[in-house]
Amino acid sequence: MAYRRFAALAVVLGLALAGCSGMQGSGMTPSAPGVPAQTDDAVPAAEPMNASPEAETPASEKPSEQPATASQPASAPAGKRRNPVNASAIDAVNALSAPLKTYNDETASEPGSDASRKDDIKPAVRSGKGNCHRGIEFYSPDKAGDANSSEKLDYYNPSCTQLARDAVRKWTAGSTAGTETVVKTITNYAQGSATPISVKTENTTFSSATFGAFGFPVVAKGYQRETSGQLSVGTRKNVLSDSESVMAASTTNVNSYCTDAAGYNALGIAKLQLTFGWQGGAFSGGTRTANADGSVTWAATHAGQTESAPIGGMSIATGTLNAACPITTPAYTLTGGTSKGNYSIPISVTYYHGIIRNLTVTGATLASGYTLNVKTNASKWPANQGFINGTVTSGTTTIAIFNVNAYGYGKLTVAATGNQFPIQDWNVIR
């Protein structure tokens, strides 16, 4: 099984990621994360010198199917589903997935998501010749030599011998000025394996944009972006998602933006006989801050709702794309589902070379009435499934916890039932 193979992911990722940023949901400006160490094969400053990567224990392939026990809190949502707490825990992960998928799409579409930025990456690497530097290789054109392309390889180790992720990006100028299409394929690997864990494909269209090196939009000039993506595990399309954003022009290092998005698990959760999805976004008030070290921090409060439907009963409807903020009518909505309720997630996430360095969510409210808190464990390596930790609570009672790495791969554990669900690309997939 793909998840069993993924247990090997808790090994050293050779990217020097450190530091954290403050929450911006209240409009506060984040502090720039610390600059990574400058030597090629140095241990990142965020990892203690005597630390060793911890092996991850995979979730059971067949979690217990017993109903919620008497220990289930009285405030658990009512419903006809067996194990309603399981469903609420999955909703929590989906609610967090909504903004993170948008930010992942956004960050992957910008300079600095590869190794083209003028921070601590050596000029030889920025030139696109594929030189290894602290676990990163960057090619432009890509390794296949395609025109208008780039390829970034992330490794588990600084010497670039254990491949973790291979992202190939190809861009094509549009027929009208300020437009461009980008196709990106992201292949994820377990350490020591040549068989992909998953493959994600993204199709992005830019408009009202100005383009610079490697076909990336110039953020300071502003742009409109729409992205359609799908995550495949094996030969199956597990997660489908769409998002749009409007980036305002700025003369400073801070841009304002707005977004909306929708997505769902196309295969559903067989043990619950349900498909889960989400829709919503940061309809206004979002900020993108370019930090001095080359990292980027996104912050906003994302509002939306989670939905469920019988397996096969959900889809994404596309309306009119937005050209300005605030967004009053989202371009992407779900059809065929039943609303589980609304969520509100104040979030701050910092990326460095396209990988999450710090993620903070404090006091998010979920459709179930529960509360979500998420934080980054700076003592863990980004590839470790203990790097990002989330807790779903009802008052002082823990409903569920989830632990994932910087790529959003890990597991969800429901306290009342003991059930465990694998998470891939920020979604519970089966």
Protein backbone atom coordinates (compact mmCIF):
# COMPACT_ATOMS: atom_id res chain seq x y z
CA MET A 1 0.00 0.00 0.00
CA ALA A 2 1.19 3.54 -0.72
CA TYR A 3 0.77 4.62 2.86
CA ARG A 4 2.83 1.73 4.21
CA ARG A 5 5.65 2.70 1.87
CA PHE A 6 5.31 6.26 3.08
CA ALA A 7 6.46 5.28 6.56
CA ALA A 8 9.99 5.70 5.25
CA LEU A 9 9.46 9.42 4.79
CA ALA A 10 10.69 10.26 8.28
CA VAL A 11 14.29 10.79 7.18
CA VAL A 12 16.40 13.88 6.85
CA LEU A 13 15.25 16.39 4.26
CA GLY A 14 18.32 18.30 3.18
CA LEU A 15 16.67 21.69 3.12
CA ALA A 16 17.76 24.08 5.81
CA LEU A 17 14.41 25.28 7.06
CA ALA A 18 14.22 27.11 10.32
CA GLY A 19 12.46 29.82 12.23
CA CYS A 20 8.87 30.83 12.36
CA SER A 21 6.62 33.74 11.64
CA GLY A 22 3.97 35.38 13.79
CA MET A 23 0.26 35.15 13.11
CA GLN A 24 -1.06 37.78 10.75
CA GLY A 25 -4.73 37.15 11.14
CA SER A 26 -4.85 40.29 13.25
CA GLY A 27 -2.88 42.28 10.69
CA MET A 28 0.48 41.85 12.44
CA THR A 29 3.61 41.80 10.28
CA PRO A 30 5.50 38.47 10.62
CA SER A 31 9.10 38.33 11.65
CA ALA A 32 11.34 36.85 8.98
CA PRO A 33 12.49 33.27 9.66
CA GLY A 34 16.14 32.65 10.40
CA VAL A 35 18.51 32.24 7.46
CA PRO A 36 19.60 28.61 6.94
CA ALA A 37 23.17 27.57 7.38
CA GLN A 38 25.41 28.38 4.42
CA THR A 39 27.57 25.28 4.15
CA ASP A 40 26.68 22.58 1.64
CA ASP A 41 26.15 19.53 3.84
CA ALA A 42 25.66 21.22 7.19
CA VAL A 43 22.95 20.07 9.56
CA PRO A 44 20.18 22.72 9.45
CA ALA A 45 20.16 25.04 12.43
CA ALA A 46 16.60 23.99 13.29
CA GLU A 47 17.74 20.40 13.98
CA PRO A 48 19.80 19.63 17.10
CA MET A 49 23.20 18.22 16.20
CA ASN A 50 22.52 15.06 18.17
CA ALA A 51 19.03 14.55 16.81
CA SER A 52 18.19 11.58 14.65
CA PRO A 53 15.17 11.22 12.37
CA GLU A 54 12.39 9.23 13.99
CA ALA A 55 10.79 6.34 12.18
CA GLU A 56 7.09 6.79 11.65
CA THR A 57 4.67 4.05 12.54
CA PRO A 58 2.14 3.62 9.73
CA ALA A 59 -1.53 3.60 10.52
CA SER A 60 -3.30 0.26 10.49
CA GLU A 61 -4.46 -0.69 7.04
CA LYS A 62 -7.80 -1.73 8.52
CA PRO A 63 -8.77 0.56 11.40
CA SER A 64 -11.34 -0.56 13.90
CA GLU A 65 -14.94 -0.18 12.71
CA GLN A 66 -16.57 -0.14 16.12
CA PRO A 67 -19.08 2.64 16.86
CA ALA A 68 -18.03 5.57 19.00
CA THR A 69 -17.61 4.43 22.60
CA ALA A 70 -19.03 5.86 25.77
CA SER A 71 -15.89 7.95 26.05
CA GLN A 72 -17.05 9.98 23.07
CA PRO A 73 -17.73 13.53 24.32
CA ALA A 74 -21.36 14.52 24.73
CA SER A 75 -20.77 17.48 22.41
CA ALA A 76 -19.97 15.23 19.45
CA PRO A 77 -22.22 16.13 16.51
CA ALA A 78 -25.33 14.07 16.08
CA GLY A 79 -26.11 12.24 12.88
CA LYS A 80 -27.04 8.93 11.31
CA ARG A 81 -23.47 8.06 10.31
CA ARG A 82 -21.70 5.34 12.18
CA ASN A 83 -18.76 6.93 14.00
CA PRO A 84 -19.80 10.58 13.47
CA VAL A 85 -16.65 11.69 15.31
CA ASN A 86 -14.56 10.05 12.57
CA ALA A 87 -16.36 12.14 9.98
CA SER A 88 -15.89 15.33 11.99
CA ALA A 89 -12.17 14.64 12.31
CA ILE A 90 -11.91 14.18 8.54
CA ASP A 91 -13.79 17.45 8.10
CA ALA A 92 -11.15 19.15 10.24
CA VAL A 93 -8.33 17.98 7.97
CA ASN A 94 -10.30 19.01 4.88
CA ALA A 95 -10.94 22.46 6.33
CA LEU A 96 -7.19 22.95 6.84
CA SER A 97 -6.51 21.46 3.41
CA ALA A 98 -8.56 24.19 1.74
CA PRO A 99 -6.22 27.14 2.41
CA LEU A 100 -3.05 25.03 2.26
CA LYS A 101 -3.84 23.70 -1.20
CA THR A 102 -4.45 27.27 -2.34
CA TYR A 103 -1.16 28.47 -0.86
CA ASN A 104 0.70 25.48 -2.30
CA ASP A 105 -0.69 26.32 -5.74
CA GLU A 106 0.13 29.99 -5.26
CA THR A 107 3.67 29.40 -4.03
CA ALA A 108 4.40 26.90 -6.80
CA SER A 109 3.47 29.61 -9.30
CA GLU A 110 6.00 32.16 -8.05
CA PRO A 111 9.73 32.87 -8.20
CA GLY A 112 11.45 31.24 -5.24
CA SER A 113 9.42 28.03 -5.44
CA ASP A 114 12.36 26.59 -7.38
CA ALA A 115 15.97 27.72 -6.92
CA SER A 116 15.88 30.84 -9.06
CA ARG A 117 15.88 33.40 -6.26
CA LYS A 118 18.98 35.31 -5.18
CA ASP A 119 19.07 34.24 -1.56
CA ASP A 120 21.41 31.59 -0.16
CA ILE A 121 21.28 29.36 -3.25
CA LYS A 122 24.57 29.36 -5.12
CA PRO A 123 24.74 31.06 -8.54
CA ALA A 124 25.61 27.71 -10.13
CA VAL A 125 22.30 26.31 -8.85
CA ARG A 126 20.32 29.38 -9.86
CA SER A 127 21.72 29.04 -13.37
CA GLY A 128 19.55 25.96 -13.85
CA LYS A 129 22.41 23.52 -14.49
CA GLY A 130 21.33 20.98 -11.90
CA ASN A 131 24.11 21.52 -9.36
CA CYS A 132 23.37 19.98 -5.97
CA HIS A 133 23.15 22.44 -3.10
CA ARG A 134 21.88 21.37 0.33
CA GLY A 135 19.38 18.88 -1.05
CA ILE A 136 18.17 20.94 -4.03
CA GLU A 137 18.79 20.57 -7.75
CA PHE A 138 17.31 22.99 -10.26
CA TYR A 139 17.24 22.63 -14.04
CA SER A 140 16.06 25.02 -16.72
CA PRO A 141 15.27 23.69 -19.20
CA ASP A 142 14.15 20.54 -17.41
CA LYS A 143 16.20 17.34 -17.48
CA ALA A 144 14.39 16.28 -20.66
CA GLY A 145 15.50 19.50 -22.40
CA ASP A 146 11.99 20.79 -23.12
CA ALA A 147 11.66 24.41 -24.18
CA ASN A 148 10.17 26.85 -21.64
CA SER A 149 10.51 24.44 -18.75
CA SER A 150 12.15 24.05 -15.36
CA GLU A 151 12.58 21.18 -12.93
CA LYS A 152 13.25 21.23 -9.18
CA LEU A 153 14.31 18.13 -7.29
CA ASP A 154 14.13 18.00 -3.49
CA TYR A 155 16.12 15.33 -1.67
CA TYR A 156 16.02 13.77 1.76
CA ASN A 157 19.75 14.38 2.19
CA PRO A 158 22.09 17.31 1.50
CA SER A 159 24.20 15.33 -0.99
CA CYS A 160 21.20 14.81 -3.32
CA THR A 161 21.18 11.01 -3.45
CA GLN A 162 17.74 10.23 -1.92
CA LEU A 163 15.01 11.78 -4.04
CA ALA A 164 11.89 13.03 -2.24
CA ARG A 165 10.06 15.16 -4.83
CA ASP A 166 10.47 15.90 -8.53
CA ALA A 167 8.52 18.92 -9.82
CA VAL A 168 8.52 19.62 -13.56
CA ARG A 169 7.06 22.91 -14.75
CA LYS A 170 6.30 23.90 -18.37
CA TRP A 171 4.95 27.27 -19.41
CA THR A 172 3.40 28.61 -22.61
CA ALA A 173 2.70 32.26 -23.46
CA GLY A 174 -0.97 33.00 -24.07
CA SER A 175 -2.45 34.43 -27.23
CA THR A 176 -3.06 37.80 -25.57
CA ALA A 177 -0.68 40.02 -23.63
CA GLY A 178 -0.35 39.28 -19.93
CA THR A 179 -1.53 35.67 -20.17
CA GLU A 180 0.24 32.37 -19.74
CA THR A 181 -0.54 28.71 -19.06
CA VAL A 182 1.57 26.48 -16.84
CA VAL A 183 1.48 22.69 -16.48
CA LYS A 184 3.21 21.27 -13.42
CA THR A 185 3.73 17.62 -12.48
CA ILE A 186 4.85 16.81 -8.94
CA THR A 187 6.01 13.27 -8.20
CA ASN A 188 6.58 12.23 -4.59
CA TYR A 189 8.80 9.33 -3.49
CA ALA A 190 9.46 7.38 -0.33
CA GLN A 191 13.08 7.34 0.74
CA GLY A 192 14.98 4.64 -1.11
CA SER A 193 12.13 3.85 -3.50
CA ALA A 194 11.86 4.54 -7.22
CA THR A 195 8.08 3.97 -7.12
CA PRO A 196 6.06 7.18 -6.63
CA ILE A 197 3.90 7.55 -3.56
CA SER A 198 1.67 9.91 -5.50
CA VAL A 199 1.60 12.20 -8.52
CA LYS A 200 -0.04 15.61 -8.52
CA THR A 201 -0.76 17.51 -11.72
CA GLU A 202 -1.67 21.20 -11.83
CA ASN A 203 -2.88 23.32 -14.74
CA THR A 204 -2.60 27.05 -14.10
CA THR A 205 -3.65 30.07 -16.17
CA PHE A 206 -2.40 33.60 -15.48
CA SER A 207 -3.98 36.81 -16.76
CA SER A 208 -3.32 40.53 -16.24
CA ALA A 209 0.27 39.56 -15.42
CA THR A 210 3.83 40.60 -16.23
CA PHE A 211 6.29 37.75 -16.60
CA GLY A 212 9.96 37.52 -15.66
CA ALA A 213 12.61 34.81 -15.58
CA PHE A 214 11.52 31.19 -16.02
CA GLY A 215 8.00 32.32 -16.95
CA PHE A 216 7.05 33.34 -13.40
CA PRO A 217 4.68 36.29 -12.88
CA VAL A 218 6.14 39.42 -11.32
CA VAL A 219 4.28 39.58 -8.00
CA ALA A 220 4.77 43.31 -7.55
CA LYS A 221 2.78 43.92 -10.74
CA GLY A 222 -0.20 41.86 -9.60
CA TYR A 223 -2.07 39.15 -11.51
CA GLN A 224 -5.05 36.82 -11.63
CA ARG A 225 -4.50 33.05 -11.29
CA GLU A 226 -6.68 29.97 -11.64
CA THR A 227 -5.48 26.43 -10.99
CA SER A 228 -7.04 23.01 -11.49
CA GLY A 229 -5.31 20.10 -9.79
CA GLN A 230 -5.63 16.40 -9.14
CA LEU A 231 -3.75 14.03 -6.86
CA SER A 232 -3.38 10.45 -8.04
CA VAL A 233 -2.31 7.56 -5.85
CA GLY A 234 -1.41 4.66 -8.10
CA THR A 235 -3.75 4.74 -11.08
CA ARG A 236 -6.63 6.37 -9.20
CA LYS A 237 -7.53 10.07 -9.07
CA ASN A 238 -8.06 10.55 -5.35
CA VAL A 239 -8.40 14.31 -4.81
CA LEU A 240 -9.70 16.96 -7.23
CA SER A 241 -9.42 20.68 -6.47
CA ASP A 242 -9.75 24.11 -8.12
CA SER A 243 -8.75 27.55 -6.90
CA GLU A 244 -8.44 31.14 -8.05
CA SER A 245 -6.68 34.18 -6.63
CA VAL A 246 -6.42 37.89 -7.33
CA MET A 247 -3.06 39.41 -6.38
CA ALA A 248 -3.03 43.20 -6.04
CA ALA A 249 -0.03 45.18 -7.26
CA SER A 250 2.21 46.65 -4.57
CA THR A 251 5.23 48.92 -4.22
CA THR A 252 6.31 47.28 -0.94
CA ASN A 253 7.15 43.72 0.15
CA VAL A 254 3.51 43.14 1.16
CA ASN A 255 0.76 42.36 -1.36
CA SER A 256 -2.93 42.00 -0.60
CA TYR A 257 -4.89 39.17 -2.21
CA CYS A 258 -8.15 37.25 -2.15
CA THR A 259 -8.96 33.65 -3.07
CA ASP A 260 -11.64 31.01 -3.35
CA ALA A 261 -11.40 27.26 -3.83
CA ALA A 262 -13.28 23.96 -3.80
CA GLY A 263 -12.20 20.34 -3.73
CA TYR A 264 -13.17 16.83 -2.70
CA ASN A 265 -11.99 13.25 -2.34
CA ALA A 266 -13.20 11.64 -5.56
CA LEU A 267 -12.90 8.06 -4.28
CA GLY A 268 -14.37 8.79 -0.87
CA ILE A 269 -13.70 6.99 2.41
CA ALA A 270 -14.85 3.42 1.87
CA LYS A 271 -15.09 2.58 5.58
CA LEU A 272 -17.57 5.44 6.01
CA GLN A 273 -19.21 5.20 2.57
CA LEU A 274 -18.88 8.98 2.21
CA THR A 275 -17.13 11.50 0.01
CA PHE A 276 -15.83 14.61 1.80
CA GLY A 277 -15.21 18.05 0.30
CA TRP A 278 -14.70 21.73 1.08
CA GLN A 279 -15.35 25.14 -0.43
CA GLY A 280 -14.44 28.67 0.62
CA GLY A 281 -11.41 30.92 0.78
CA ALA A 282 -9.90 34.19 1.90
CA PHE A 283 -12.45 36.36 0.16
CA SER A 284 -10.62 39.51 1.30
CA GLY A 285 -7.98 40.70 3.71
CA GLY A 286 -5.18 38.29 2.81
CA THR A 287 -1.53 39.39 2.86
CA ARG A 288 1.55 37.99 1.15
CA THR A 289 4.83 39.14 2.71
CA ALA A 290 8.21 38.68 1.03
CA ASN A 291 10.72 38.21 3.85
CA ALA A 292 14.33 39.37 3.71
CA ASP A 293 15.75 35.82 3.57
CA GLY A 294 13.76 34.87 0.47
CA SER A 295 10.90 33.11 2.25
CA VAL A 296 7.26 34.13 1.75
CA THR A 297 4.54 34.33 4.40
CA TRP A 298 0.84 34.09 3.60
CA ALA A 299 -1.74 35.11 6.19
CA ALA A 300 -5.52 35.45 6.23
CA THR A 301 -8.69 34.13 7.79
CA HIS A 302 -10.21 31.50 5.52
CA ALA A 303 -13.98 31.03 5.75
CA GLY A 304 -15.94 28.22 4.14
CA GLN A 305 -17.86 25.03 4.67
CA THR A 306 -17.25 21.30 4.55
CA GLU A 307 -19.63 18.93 2.80
CA SER A 308 -20.25 15.22 2.43
CA ALA A 309 -22.10 13.04 -0.05
CA PRO A 310 -22.42 9.37 -0.94
CA ILE A 311 -19.34 8.17 -2.80
CA GLY A 312 -19.54 9.38 -6.40
CA GLY A 313 -22.11 12.05 -5.61
CA MET A 314 -19.97 15.19 -5.49
CA SER A 315 -18.46 17.46 -8.16
CA ILE A 316 -17.05 20.98 -8.62
CA ALA A 317 -19.06 23.66 -10.42
CA THR A 318 -17.18 26.50 -12.16
CA GLY A 319 -18.68 29.96 -12.39
CA THR A 320 -17.30 33.34 -13.43
CA LEU A 321 -13.72 34.09 -12.49
CA ASN A 322 -13.08 37.16 -10.36
CA ALA A 323 -10.93 40.11 -11.41
CA ALA A 324 -10.88 42.11 -8.18
CA CYS A 325 -11.22 41.82 -4.41
CA PRO A 326 -13.28 41.29 -2.37
CA ILE A 327 -14.78 38.11 -3.82
CA THR A 328 -18.54 38.11 -3.37
CA THR A 329 -19.37 35.18 -5.67
CA PRO A 330 -16.78 32.39 -5.64
CA ALA A 331 -15.81 30.91 -9.00
CA TYR A 332 -15.67 27.38 -7.55
CA THR A 333 -18.38 25.62 -5.53
CA LEU A 334 -19.36 22.04 -4.75
CA THR A 335 -22.47 20.35 -6.08
CA GLY A 336 -24.17 17.16 -4.91
CA GLY A 337 -23.10 17.46 -1.29
CA THR A 338 -24.78 18.25 2.00
CA SER A 339 -23.28 21.04 4.09
CA LYS A 340 -21.74 19.95 7.38
CA GLY A 341 -21.46 23.56 8.54
CA ASN A 342 -19.08 26.50 8.37
CA TYR A 343 -15.45 26.88 9.40
CA SER A 344 -13.21 29.88 10.03
CA ILE A 345 -9.43 29.37 9.99
CA PRO A 346 -6.95 32.13 10.88
CA ILE A 347 -3.74 30.89 9.30
CA SER A 348 -0.14 31.97 8.79
CA VAL A 349 2.17 29.81 6.66
CA THR A 350 5.74 30.52 5.57
CA TYR A 351 7.36 28.84 2.56
CA TYR A 352 11.03 28.61 1.70
CA HIS A 353 11.84 27.38 -1.83
CA GLY A 354 8.27 26.10 -2.12
CA ILE A 355 8.38 24.00 1.08
CA ILE A 356 6.52 24.87 4.29
CA ARG A 357 8.89 26.21 6.93
CA ASN A 358 6.31 27.26 9.50
CA LEU A 359 2.55 26.77 9.86
CA THR A 360 0.42 28.30 12.61
CA VAL A 361 -3.34 28.03 13.16
CA THR A 362 -4.76 29.27 16.47
CA GLY A 363 -8.35 28.88 17.59
CA ALA A 364 -9.91 27.92 14.25
CA THR A 365 -13.62 27.07 14.53
CA LEU A 366 -14.92 24.03 12.66
CA ALA A 367 -18.27 22.98 11.23
CA SER A 368 -18.72 20.45 14.06
CA GLY A 369 -18.35 23.15 16.71
CA TYR A 370 -14.89 21.88 17.54
CA THR A 371 -11.68 23.93 17.66
CA LEU A 372 -8.53 23.39 15.57
CA ASN A 373 -4.98 24.37 16.51
CA VAL A 374 -1.91 23.63 14.39
CA LYS A 375 1.77 24.31 15.01
CA THR A 376 5.17 23.42 13.61
CA ASN A 377 7.71 21.46 15.63
CA ALA A 378 11.01 23.18 14.85
CA SER A 379 12.97 20.32 16.46
CA LYS A 380 11.80 17.93 13.72
CA TRP A 381 13.06 17.66 10.19
CA PRO A 382 10.51 18.82 7.57
CA ALA A 383 10.23 15.28 6.13
CA ASN A 384 9.32 13.90 9.55
CA GLN A 385 5.63 13.25 10.13
CA GLY A 386 5.94 15.06 13.44
CA PHE A 387 6.96 18.30 11.76
CA ILE A 388 3.39 19.71 11.66
CA ASN A 389 0.94 18.76 14.40
CA GLY A 390 -2.79 19.47 14.61
CA THR A 391 -5.24 18.99 17.46
CA VAL A 392 -9.03 19.00 17.24
CA THR A 393 -10.69 19.70 20.58
CA SER A 394 -14.06 20.18 22.23
CA GLY A 395 -13.41 22.33 25.26
CA THR A 396 -10.60 20.52 27.08
CA THR A 397 -11.33 17.17 25.40
CA THR A 398 -9.13 16.04 22.52
CA ILE A 399 -11.25 14.76 19.64
CA ALA A 400 -8.47 13.92 17.18
CA ILE A 401 -4.85 14.62 16.35
CA PHE A 402 -2.99 14.58 13.06
CA ASN A 403 0.71 14.59 12.31
CA VAL A 404 2.12 15.34 8.85
CA ASN A 405 5.36 16.40 7.23
CA ALA A 406 5.95 19.58 5.24
CA TYR A 407 4.36 17.97 2.16
CA GLY A 408 1.13 17.10 4.02
CA TYR A 409 1.75 13.36 4.30
CA GLY A 410 1.02 11.56 7.57
CA LYS A 411 -1.93 10.24 9.54
CA LEU A 412 -5.08 11.25 11.43
CA THR A 413 -5.96 9.52 14.73
CA VAL A 414 -9.46 9.79 16.23
CA ALA A 415 -9.35 9.72 20.04
CA ALA A 416 -12.81 8.26 20.76
CA THR A 417 -12.59 5.34 18.31
CA GLY A 418 -8.85 4.81 17.90
CA ASN A 419 -9.37 4.82 14.15
CA GLN A 420 -6.49 6.00 12.02
CA PHE A 421 -6.67 7.42 8.49
CA PRO A 422 -3.74 8.09 6.12
CA ILE A 423 -3.27 11.66 4.92
CA GLN A 424 -1.67 12.47 1.56
CA ASP A 425 -1.27 15.98 0.19
CA TRP A 426 -3.28 17.31 3.16
CA ASN A 427 -6.29 15.06 2.49
CA VAL A 428 -7.60 11.92 4.17
CA ILE A 429 -7.58 9.62 1.17
CA ARG A 430 -9.22 6.35 2.24
